């Protein structure tokens, strides 16, 4: 669902003209066979408010909505006025995942339109008529890729997941999750989201890394929001760098959401400070299981033995001698 938010007005004719435009947009979206729903909310002066619209969405079973401010810049109205309204509606209706978009004036298409008008000359330009629709045999243009969120699920305790991670899960169409992820975290995903367990590759019952990456890219290119839910932190021995590189090469937008890594959490739960001003002024996170197929180890154990601080070893149980 897309919610357009603008200033209100006490002038009925002004409201009627704005609402007619919104109805036209909504009708075109439905007529094109899409599932998009478009609604209008006002900041002040006249109903419906953003809270009114989100309340109706929640009652209709809509689980996610995006809020598009009809302003030119994020400063001022958006940051000062719209964002608090979004946060209040999010708190009042937690079943609807609200995402505040950049304002209209910051969208690339809007700026391109303004530039085209200016180039046409002297402020008296006419916007070109829309091109004729291509024949039915022409394949439709591919939609812009959706975002992939590489999300850290934390060390296992569902209370240690971050608020941003929960926000991303609420936006997900597809969740690809590791076997170490606490299943309770999946309850944050919308009811209709596809939940895909990736198994445990070491035991031979898991999905290979290249298959996971290909699935993420394919789903995003279909326009589906993907959450890649990883135990701990995605950038700490979690192949986050490989996946980031592949997404960047494919032109798929992504966001990295940090998580609490196991080495820090275990130390905290055991009441062991990993830094201490007298004895440990540095910390090293060390893998106990390097990637298969490497010509030689990247680890210098002699240097690690002389390391002037705390060593935290990951995945070392099966390799310890």
Protein backbone atom coordinates (compact mmCIF):
# COMPACT_ATOMS: atom_id res chain seq x y z
CA UNK A 1 0.00 0.00 0.00
CA UNK A 2 1.20 3.50 -0.86
CA UNK A 3 0.06 6.42 1.29
CA UNK A 4 0.52 9.90 -0.17
CA UNK A 5 0.71 12.51 2.59
CA UNK A 6 0.28 16.25 2.03
CA UNK A 7 -0.89 19.40 3.76
CA UNK A 8 -4.60 19.59 4.37
CA UNK A 9 -6.90 22.43 3.39
CA UNK A 10 -10.22 23.80 4.55
CA UNK A 11 -11.14 24.52 0.92
CA UNK A 12 -13.41 21.66 -0.26
CA UNK A 13 -12.65 22.33 -3.94
CA UNK A 14 -8.90 22.00 -3.31
CA UNK A 15 -9.38 18.70 -1.50
CA UNK A 16 -11.68 17.41 -4.24
CA UNK A 17 -9.12 18.09 -6.97
CA UNK A 18 -6.31 16.37 -5.04
CA UNK A 19 -8.49 13.38 -4.21
CA UNK A 20 -9.51 13.04 -7.87
CA UNK A 21 -5.84 12.74 -8.86
CA UNK A 22 -5.27 10.08 -6.20
CA UNK A 23 -8.36 8.12 -7.33
CA UNK A 24 -7.05 8.23 -10.90
CA UNK A 25 -3.65 6.88 -9.82
CA UNK A 26 -5.27 4.16 -7.73
CA UNK A 27 -7.57 3.19 -10.59
CA UNK A 28 -4.66 2.87 -13.00
CA UNK A 29 -2.77 0.68 -10.53
CA UNK A 30 -5.75 -1.65 -10.09
CA UNK A 31 -6.54 -1.61 -13.80
CA UNK A 32 -3.02 -2.74 -14.62
CA UNK A 33 -3.66 -5.91 -12.64
CA UNK A 34 -1.32 -4.95 -9.81
CA UNK A 35 -2.03 -5.31 -6.14
CA UNK A 36 -1.03 -1.71 -5.38
CA UNK A 37 -3.41 0.33 -3.30
CA UNK A 38 -3.08 4.09 -3.05
CA UNK A 39 -4.49 6.28 -0.29
CA UNK A 40 -4.27 9.95 0.64
CA UNK A 41 -3.61 11.34 4.11
CA UNK A 42 -3.39 14.91 5.34
CA UNK A 43 -1.05 16.35 7.92
CA UNK A 44 -3.52 18.93 9.21
CA UNK A 45 -6.73 20.85 8.61
CA UNK A 46 -8.77 18.01 7.14
CA UNK A 47 -9.29 14.27 7.43
CA UNK A 48 -8.20 11.59 6.88
CA UNK A 49 -5.06 11.75 8.98
CA UNK A 50 -2.19 9.31 8.55
CA UNK A 51 -3.38 7.47 11.66
CA UNK A 52 -6.88 7.16 10.11
CA UNK A 53 -5.47 5.61 6.93
CA UNK A 54 -3.14 3.20 8.76
CA UNK A 55 -5.99 2.14 11.08
CA UNK A 56 -8.11 1.25 8.03
CA UNK A 57 -5.16 -0.63 6.51
CA UNK A 58 -4.73 -2.64 9.71
CA UNK A 59 -8.45 -3.45 9.78
CA UNK A 60 -8.23 -4.63 6.16
CA UNK A 61 -5.35 -6.98 6.99
CA UNK A 62 -2.70 -4.98 5.12
CA UNK A 63 0.68 -5.78 6.65
CA UNK A 64 2.94 -3.18 5.02
CA UNK A 65 2.64 0.36 3.70
CA UNK A 66 4.94 3.03 2.34
CA UNK A 67 4.45 6.72 3.08
CA UNK A 68 5.38 9.17 0.30
CA UNK A 69 5.54 12.84 1.41
CA UNK A 70 4.40 15.22 -1.34
CA UNK A 71 7.16 17.73 -0.59
CA UNK A 72 10.39 18.81 -2.26
CA UNK A 73 12.94 18.14 0.47
CA UNK A 74 13.40 16.03 3.58
CA UNK A 75 14.28 19.04 5.73
CA UNK A 76 11.43 20.93 7.32
CA UNK A 77 8.04 19.28 6.93
CA UNK A 78 9.27 15.72 6.38
CA UNK A 79 11.77 15.50 9.25
CA UNK A 80 9.92 17.83 11.59
CA UNK A 81 6.28 16.92 10.90
CA UNK A 82 5.83 13.76 8.81
CA UNK A 83 8.34 11.51 10.56
CA UNK A 84 6.70 11.92 14.02
CA UNK A 85 3.32 11.10 12.44
CA UNK A 86 4.78 7.92 10.92
CA UNK A 87 6.35 6.90 14.23
CA UNK A 88 3.09 7.51 16.10
CA UNK A 89 1.08 5.50 13.57
CA UNK A 90 3.68 2.71 13.68
CA UNK A 91 3.37 2.52 17.47
CA UNK A 92 -0.44 2.63 17.40
CA UNK A 93 -0.79 -0.03 14.67
CA UNK A 94 2.16 -2.47 14.97
CA UNK A 95 0.57 -4.97 12.59
CA UNK A 96 1.31 -2.60 9.69
CA UNK A 97 4.99 -2.17 8.81
CA UNK A 98 5.35 1.49 7.84
CA UNK A 99 8.25 2.72 5.70
CA UNK A 100 8.83 6.45 5.22
CA UNK A 101 10.07 7.12 1.68
CA UNK A 102 12.13 10.04 0.45
CA UNK A 103 9.92 13.03 -0.43
CA UNK A 104 8.62 13.50 -3.96
CA UNK A 105 11.22 16.14 -4.80
CA UNK A 106 14.08 13.74 -4.13
CA UNK A 107 12.84 11.01 -6.45
CA UNK A 108 15.00 10.74 -9.59
CA UNK A 109 11.97 10.68 -11.91
CA UNK A 110 10.65 13.96 -10.52
CA UNK A 111 13.96 15.69 -11.00
CA UNK A 112 14.26 14.35 -14.54
CA UNK A 113 10.84 15.77 -15.35
CA UNK A 114 11.78 19.20 -14.03
CA UNK A 115 15.02 19.17 -16.00
CA UNK A 116 13.11 18.26 -19.17
CA UNK A 117 10.78 21.21 -18.66
CA UNK A 118 13.68 23.61 -18.07
CA UNK A 119 15.54 22.36 -21.13
CA UNK A 120 12.47 22.95 -23.29
CA UNK A 121 12.93 26.64 -22.55
CA UNK A 122 11.79 29.79 -20.80
CA UNK A 123 9.29 28.29 -18.43
CA UNK A 124 6.69 27.88 -21.19
CA UNK A 125 7.54 24.31 -22.02
CA UNK A 126 5.02 21.63 -22.74
CA UNK A 127 5.54 18.15 -21.41
CA UNK A 128 5.61 15.67 -24.26
CA UNK A 129 2.59 13.43 -24.63
CA UNK A 130 3.10 9.87 -23.41
CA UNK A 131 4.47 7.50 -26.00
CA UNK A 132 2.04 5.07 -27.58
CA UNK A 133 1.76 1.77 -25.81
CA UNK A 134 3.91 -0.93 -27.43
CA UNK A 135 2.18 -3.87 -29.08
CA UNK A 136 0.95 -6.64 -26.81
CA UNK A 137 3.71 -8.89 -28.13
CA UNK A 138 6.39 -6.62 -26.67
CA UNK A 139 7.59 -8.06 -23.34
CA UNK A 140 6.88 -5.73 -20.40
CA UNK A 141 9.77 -3.79 -18.93
CA UNK A 142 11.43 -5.47 -15.99
CA UNK A 143 10.49 -3.83 -12.68
CA UNK A 144 13.19 -2.12 -10.65
CA UNK A 145 14.81 -4.57 -8.25
CA UNK A 146 13.56 -4.59 -4.68
CA UNK A 147 15.93 -4.23 -1.74
CA UNK A 148 17.81 -7.11 -0.14
CA UNK A 149 18.42 -6.71 3.59
CA UNK A 150 21.42 -8.60 4.97
CA UNK A 151 20.24 -8.82 8.57
CA UNK A 152 22.09 -9.97 11.66
CA UNK A 153 19.78 -12.07 13.85
CA UNK A 154 22.03 -11.88 16.91
CA UNK A 155 23.41 -14.74 19.01
CA UNK A 156 20.18 -16.70 19.52
CA UNK A 157 18.23 -14.94 22.25
CA UNK A 158 15.24 -13.36 20.44
CA UNK A 159 15.44 -10.41 22.80
CA UNK A 160 18.83 -9.43 21.38
CA UNK A 161 17.69 -8.70 17.82
CA UNK A 162 17.85 -5.02 16.85
CA UNK A 163 14.84 -2.80 16.19
CA UNK A 164 16.04 -2.19 12.62
CA UNK A 165 16.20 -5.94 12.03
CA UNK A 166 12.58 -6.27 13.15
CA UNK A 167 11.56 -3.41 10.84
CA UNK A 168 13.19 -5.18 7.89
CA UNK A 169 11.51 -8.49 8.72
CA UNK A 170 8.13 -6.74 8.73
CA UNK A 171 8.80 -5.54 5.16
CA UNK A 172 9.87 -8.94 3.82
CA UNK A 173 8.27 -10.87 0.99
CA UNK A 174 10.92 -13.59 1.29
CA UNK A 175 13.05 -14.54 4.31
CA UNK A 176 16.09 -16.75 3.69
CA UNK A 177 17.30 -17.82 7.12
CA UNK A 178 20.23 -19.80 8.54
CA UNK A 179 19.74 -22.92 10.65
CA UNK A 180 21.16 -21.14 13.73
CA UNK A 181 18.49 -18.41 13.64
CA UNK A 182 15.98 -18.64 16.49
CA UNK A 183 12.61 -19.59 14.87
CA UNK A 184 10.85 -17.11 17.17
CA UNK A 185 12.33 -14.27 15.11
CA UNK A 186 10.35 -15.39 12.06
CA UNK A 187 7.17 -14.26 13.80
CA UNK A 188 8.16 -10.69 12.92
CA UNK A 189 7.68 -11.45 9.20
CA UNK A 190 4.27 -10.69 7.60
CA UNK A 191 1.78 -13.59 7.50
CA UNK A 192 2.16 -13.95 3.74
CA UNK A 193 5.95 -13.89 3.63
CA UNK A 194 7.76 -16.91 2.18
CA UNK A 195 10.07 -18.42 4.80
CA UNK A 196 12.96 -20.41 3.33
CA UNK A 197 15.25 -22.46 5.65
CA UNK A 198 18.74 -22.88 4.26
CA UNK A 199 19.78 -25.93 6.28
CA UNK A 200 23.28 -26.78 7.48
CA UNK A 201 25.76 -27.08 4.64
CA UNK A 202 28.49 -28.75 6.75
CA UNK A 203 26.23 -31.78 7.25
CA UNK A 204 25.45 -31.94 3.56
CA UNK A 205 21.81 -30.91 4.05
CA UNK A 206 22.14 -27.21 3.28
CA UNK A 207 21.83 -24.87 0.32
CA UNK A 208 25.16 -23.95 -1.28
CA UNK A 209 26.32 -20.31 -0.92
CA UNK A 210 26.15 -19.61 -4.66
CA UNK A 211 22.58 -20.92 -4.74
CA UNK A 212 21.59 -18.62 -1.86
CA UNK A 213 23.09 -15.62 -3.64
CA UNK A 214 21.36 -16.50 -6.90
CA UNK A 215 18.02 -16.85 -5.10
CA UNK A 216 18.41 -13.44 -3.41
CA UNK A 217 19.16 -11.74 -6.72
CA UNK A 218 16.35 -13.50 -8.57
CA UNK A 219 13.73 -12.64 -5.94
CA UNK A 220 14.82 -8.99 -5.78
CA UNK A 221 14.71 -8.71 -9.58
CA UNK A 222 11.11 -9.94 -9.43
CA UNK A 223 10.33 -6.98 -7.18
CA UNK A 224 10.17 -8.97 -3.93
CA UNK A 225 11.78 -7.58 -0.77
CA UNK A 226 14.29 -10.10 0.58
CA UNK A 227 15.64 -10.51 4.10
CA UNK A 228 18.75 -12.66 4.32
CA UNK A 229 18.62 -13.50 8.02
CA UNK A 230 22.01 -14.56 9.39
CA UNK A 231 23.02 -15.68 12.85
CA UNK A 232 25.13 -13.14 14.71
CA UNK A 233 26.41 -10.32 12.51
CA UNK A 234 26.36 -10.69 8.69
CA UNK A 235 29.85 -9.23 8.35
CA UNK A 236 31.56 -11.45 10.94
CA UNK A 237 32.39 -14.81 9.33
CA UNK A 238 28.99 -14.75 7.64
CA UNK A 239 29.93 -14.41 3.96
CA UNK A 240 28.48 -10.91 4.03
CA UNK A 241 31.26 -9.57 1.82
CA UNK A 242 30.65 -12.19 -0.89
CA UNK A 243 26.94 -11.49 -0.97
CA UNK A 244 27.43 -7.72 -0.99
CA UNK A 245 29.76 -8.00 -3.99
CA UNK A 246 27.31 -10.20 -5.89
CA UNK A 247 24.35 -7.89 -5.18
CA UNK A 248 26.36 -4.84 -6.20
CA UNK A 249 27.45 -6.51 -9.44
CA UNK A 250 23.83 -7.42 -10.23
CA UNK A 251 22.61 -3.88 -9.60
CA UNK A 252 20.41 -4.95 -6.70
CA UNK A 253 20.07 -2.42 -3.84
CA UNK A 254 20.93 -3.76 -0.41
CA UNK A 255 21.29 -2.71 3.21
CA UNK A 256 23.46 -4.29 5.89
CA UNK A 257 21.81 -4.50 9.30
CA UNK A 258 24.39 -5.30 12.00
CA UNK A 259 23.69 -7.89 14.66
CA UNK A 260 25.26 -8.84 17.98
CA UNK A 261 27.99 -11.33 17.13
CA UNK A 262 28.27 -14.51 19.18
CA UNK A 263 31.80 -13.86 20.44
CA UNK A 264 30.77 -10.65 22.17
CA UNK A 265 27.47 -12.05 23.44
CA UNK A 266 29.00 -15.20 24.95
CA UNK A 267 31.64 -13.18 26.75
CA UNK A 268 28.99 -10.83 28.14
CA UNK A 269 26.76 -13.69 29.30
CA UNK A 270 29.78 -15.30 31.00
CA UNK A 271 30.70 -11.95 32.57
CA UNK A 272 34.07 -11.95 30.83
CA UNK A 273 35.20 -8.50 29.63
CA UNK A 274 36.98 -8.93 26.30
CA UNK A 275 38.82 -5.64 26.80
CA UNK A 276 40.41 -4.58 30.04
CA UNK A 277 42.44 -1.43 30.49
CA UNK A 278 45.30 -3.18 32.28
CA UNK A 279 45.66 -6.39 30.26
CA UNK A 280 43.66 -6.38 27.03
CA UNK A 281 43.73 -3.28 24.85
CA UNK A 282 42.91 -5.17 21.66
CA UNK A 283 40.57 -7.92 20.43
CA UNK A 284 41.01 -10.33 17.53
CA UNK A 285 38.15 -12.37 16.06
CA UNK A 286 39.63 -15.54 14.57
CA UNK A 287 37.95 -18.23 12.50
CA UNK A 288 38.56 -21.83 13.43
CA UNK A 289 37.35 -22.99 10.03
CA UNK A 290 38.78 -21.39 6.91
CA UNK A 291 37.14 -21.74 3.53
CA UNK A 292 37.56 -25.13 1.88
CA UNK A 293 39.86 -25.16 -1.11
CA UNK A 294 42.27 -22.46 0.03
CA UNK A 295 45.84 -23.15 -1.08
CA UNK A 296 47.21 -22.18 2.31
CA UNK A 297 45.97 -20.91 5.63
CA UNK A 298 45.73 -17.14 6.09
CA UNK A 299 46.31 -17.47 9.82
CA UNK A 300 49.67 -17.02 11.51
CA UNK A 301 49.22 -18.87 14.79
CA UNK A 302 52.64 -17.83 16.05
CA UNK A 303 51.65 -14.20 15.64
CA UNK A 304 48.29 -14.89 17.28
CA UNK A 305 50.03 -16.51 20.23
CA UNK A 306 51.93 -13.26 20.73
CA UNK A 307 48.84 -11.08 20.24
CA UNK A 308 48.65 -8.50 23.07
CA UNK A 309 44.97 -8.87 23.82
CA UNK A 310 41.95 -11.16 23.72
CA UNK A 311 41.52 -13.87 21.08
CA UNK A 312 37.97 -14.93 20.24
CA UNK A 313 37.79 -18.10 18.15
CA UNK A 314 34.72 -18.94 16.05
CA UNK A 315 33.72 -22.33 14.64
CA UNK A 316 36.66 -24.10 16.19
CA UNK A 317 35.04 -27.05 17.96
CA UNK A 318 35.38 -29.51 15.07
CA UNK A 319 38.92 -28.35 14.25
CA UNK A 320 40.44 -28.29 17.74
CA UNK A 321 43.30 -30.75 18.31
